[in-house]
C-alpha atoms as a PDB file:
ATOM      1  CA  MET A   1     -13.120  -3.978   1.940  1.00  0.00           C
ATOM      2  CA  ILE A   2     -11.925  -0.412   1.397  1.00  0.00           C
ATOM      3  CA  LYS A   3     -11.871   0.159   5.167  1.00  0.00           C
ATOM      4  CA  SER A   4      -9.718  -2.935   5.636  1.00  0.00           C
ATOM      5  CA  PHE A   5      -7.257  -1.681   3.029  1.00  0.00           C
ATOM      6  CA  TYR A   6      -7.178   1.756   4.690  1.00  0.00           C
ATOM      7  CA  PHE A   7      -6.499   0.236   8.117  1.00  0.00           C
ATOM      8  CA  PHE A   8      -3.786  -1.951   6.575  1.00  0.00           C
ATOM      9  CA  ILE A   9      -2.041   1.098   5.085  1.00  0.00           C
ATOM     10  CA  VAL A  10      -2.336   3.025   8.353  1.00  0.00           C
ATOM     11  CA  GLY A  11      -0.965   0.065  10.303  1.00  0.00           C
ATOM     12  CA  THR A  12       1.928  -0.239   7.854  1.00  0.00           C
ATOM     13  CA  PHE A  13       2.891   3.422   8.253  1.00  0.00           C
ATOM     14  CA  PHE A  14       2.732   3.238  12.026  1.00  0.00           C
ATOM     15  CA  THR A  15       4.818   0.042  11.960  1.00  0.00           C
ATOM     16  CA  LEU A  16       7.470   1.734   9.827  1.00  0.00           C
ATOM     17  CA  GLY A  17       7.451   4.755  12.143  1.00  0.00           C
ATOM     18  CA  ALA A  18       7.889   2.546  15.201  1.00  0.00           C
ATOM     19  CA  ILE A  19      10.764   0.684  13.527  1.00  0.00           C
ATOM     20  CA  PHE A  20      12.455   3.981  12.622  1.00  0.00           C
ATOM     21  CA  HIS A  21      12.170   5.281  16.191  1.00  0.00           C
ATOM     22  CA  PHE A  22      13.409   1.967  17.585  1.00  0.00           C
ATOM     23  CA  ILE A  23      16.447   2.126  15.296  1.00  0.00           C
ATOM     24  CA  ARG A  24      16.961   5.735  16.381  1.00  0.00           C
ATOM     25  CA  LEU A  25      17.081   4.602  20.008  1.00  0.00           C
ATOM     26  CA  MET A  26      19.404   1.679  19.247  1.00  0.00           C
ATOM     27  CA  PHE A  27      21.955   3.779  17.337  1.00  0.00           C
ATOM     28  CA  GLU A  28      21.448   6.916  19.479  1.00  0.00           C
ATOM     29  CA  TRP A  29      20.749   9.106  16.453  1.00  0.00           C
ATOM     30  CA  ASP A  30      19.821  12.747  17.024  1.00  0.00           C
ATOM     31  CA  ILE A  31      16.803  14.369  15.423  1.00  0.00           C
ATOM     32  CA  TYR A  32      16.660  18.141  15.157  1.00  0.00           C
ATOM     33  CA  ILE A  33      13.728  20.388  14.365  1.00  0.00           C
ATOM     34  CA  GLY A  34      15.270  23.773  13.843  1.00  0.00           C
ATOM     35  CA  LEU A  35      17.609  24.229  16.784  1.00  0.00           C
ATOM     36  CA  TRP A  36      15.670  21.901  19.086  1.00  0.00           C
ATOM     37  CA  SER A  37      17.062  18.416  19.632  1.00  0.00           C
ATOM     38  CA  ILE A  38      14.278  15.913  20.204  1.00  0.00           C
ATOM     39  CA  PRO A  39      15.033  13.843  23.333  1.00  0.00           C
ATOM     40  CA  SER A  40      15.150  10.061  23.063  1.00  0.00           C
ATOM     41  CA  TRP A  41      12.261   9.641  25.514  1.00  0.00           C
ATOM     42  CA  VAL A  42      10.000  11.209  22.881  1.00  0.00           C
ATOM     43  CA  SER A  43      10.883   8.329  20.552  1.00  0.00           C
ATOM     44  CA  SER A  44       9.960   5.913  23.336  1.00  0.00           C
ATOM     45  CA  LEU A  45       6.528   7.511  23.603  1.00  0.00           C
ATOM     46  CA  VAL A  46       6.133   7.445  19.822  1.00  0.00           C
ATOM     47  CA  ILE A  47       6.959   3.721  19.779  1.00  0.00           C
ATOM     48  CA  LEU A  48       4.318   3.007  22.422  1.00  0.00           C
ATOM     49  CA  PHE A  49       1.749   5.110  20.567  1.00  0.00           C
ATOM     50  CA  ALA A  50       2.581   3.408  17.257  1.00  0.00           C
ATOM     51  CA  ILE A  51       2.220  -0.064  18.794  1.00  0.00           C
ATOM     52  CA  PHE A  52      -1.165   0.996  20.174  1.00  0.00           C
ATOM     53  CA  MET A  53      -2.266   2.272  16.750  1.00  0.00           C
ATOM     54  CA  VAL A  54      -1.035  -0.844  14.925  1.00  0.00           C
ATOM     55  CA  TYR A  55      -2.905  -3.065  17.385  1.00  0.00           C
ATOM     56  CA  PHE A  56      -6.155  -1.194  16.837  1.00  0.00           C
ATOM     57  CA  SER A  57      -5.747  -1.051  13.064  1.00  0.00           C
ATOM     58  CA  LEU A  58      -5.326  -4.842  13.010  1.00  0.00           C
ATOM     59  CA  LYS A  59      -8.295  -5.202  15.338  1.00  0.00           C
ATOM     60  CA  LEU A  60     -10.435  -3.030  13.056  1.00  0.00           C
ATOM     61  CA  ILE A  61      -9.355  -5.052  10.003  1.00  0.00           C
ATOM     62  CA  LYS A  62     -10.465  -8.216  11.767  1.00  0.00           C
ATOM     63  CA  GLU A  63     -13.805  -6.669  12.772  1.00  0.00           C
ATOM     64  CA  ASP A  64     -14.393  -5.361   9.248  1.00  0.00           C
ATOM     65  CA  LYS A  65     -13.791  -8.814   7.783  1.00  0.00           C
ATOM     66  CA  GLN A  66     -16.137 -10.406  10.342  1.00  0.00           C
ATOM     67  CA  ASP A  67     -18.814  -7.814   9.578  1.00  0.00           C
ATOM     68  CA  GLY A  68     -18.452  -8.592   5.868  1.00  0.00           C
ATOM     69  CA  ILE A  69     -18.951 -12.298   6.544  1.00  0.00           C
ATOM     70  CA  ASP A  70     -21.987 -11.648   8.729  1.00  0.00           C
ATOM     71  CA  LYS A  71     -23.608  -9.397   6.121  1.00  0.00           C
ATOM     72  CA  SER A  72     -23.080 -11.895   3.321  1.00  0.00           C
ATOM     73  CA  ASP A  73     -24.865 -14.611   5.320  1.00  0.00           C
ATOM     74  CA  GLU A  74     -28.125 -12.623   5.400  1.00  0.00           C
END
């Protein structure tokens, strides 16, 4: 149960990050770290990575719940 909650929180943060980067691309906002302007293609990669991480966090939540059901049957 604690693992499921952890994966839910992680998935939520990655979802929010992906939404932020998507909005950044839509409105063409600039992000600066020091004097370096982060190119928009970096946000595209971050969105893809975040989608990947959200998918696997949801998959792990599902597996954790199935494992809990299997263990309670024994």
